[in-house]
């Protein structure tokens, strides 16, 4: 060990040519020595003279290896989180569809599932896009609902997508009945935020009444849950009264809906509805005008 230190100190000073020959000679001798002797000298030099350098190198290598492992684990964790989110969404959609089928089982019409894929934030109440269209049998005027309650109706349908008008859109109206008194009313939203019920001043509508769809108008099937009366608005009007409504299904929280595939005879069609009365009149008028 003393010889090794002397050789290193002599080599670093570089004052005598003899030290160079000694170092070269020592290196040649060590290279020709047995492997066991080389290993012992290597261990001795590593544990004494080069120990600080070795420690620094080991620490740098350890930290780099640790950072690479952390980076790999973070990448794998992100993939697992994405897979878990996809599986959870699929399970949630499956459970939602099972609930929708149970809700729709008493109906005489078929239903198809649809997912809300887009919302228009600029329109009060909202016009949404769902991933079901004419290829799935969806047509204009069909109702959409969840197990909790009515969501809205189809405004227009493409091949695989449709525009859904939510129940809180100012242009949407739905006729309802009180489950307690069976008195009717009209649910609408004047501004896309408040939900109101208009009913006759003689109707028996009270706070706490549950409201279901009446079926009048041919769009919403009868008996779908709509909301609950939370307040009666005082008004000087003696013909029509107004009440505040809390919807059973918050439209802005909807992810999946069921669309009722009603036969075309049930859809709102002005030409079909008015033709039995209007067509004979028009024909008679045309006959009178004929020369």
Foldseek 3Di string as FASTA:
>chain_A
DVVVVVLVVCVVVVPDPVSVVVVVVVVVVLVPDDPVSVVVVVVVCCVPVVVVVVVVVVVVVVVVVVVVVVVVVVVVVVVVVVVVVVVVVVVVVVVQVVLVCVQCVVPPFDKDKWFFDAWDPVAQLIKTKIFAFVCNLDAFLWWKAGSQFGFFTWHGGDHGMTITRGQAGQVHKFWKAFPVQRFIWIWYHNGSPWIKTKHFLPDPADFFTWIFGCCPPLHDDTDTTFWGFHAWDDDPDNTMTMTTTDGSDDNVPDTMIMITNDPPVSGRDVCVVCCVPPVVVVVVVVVVPDD
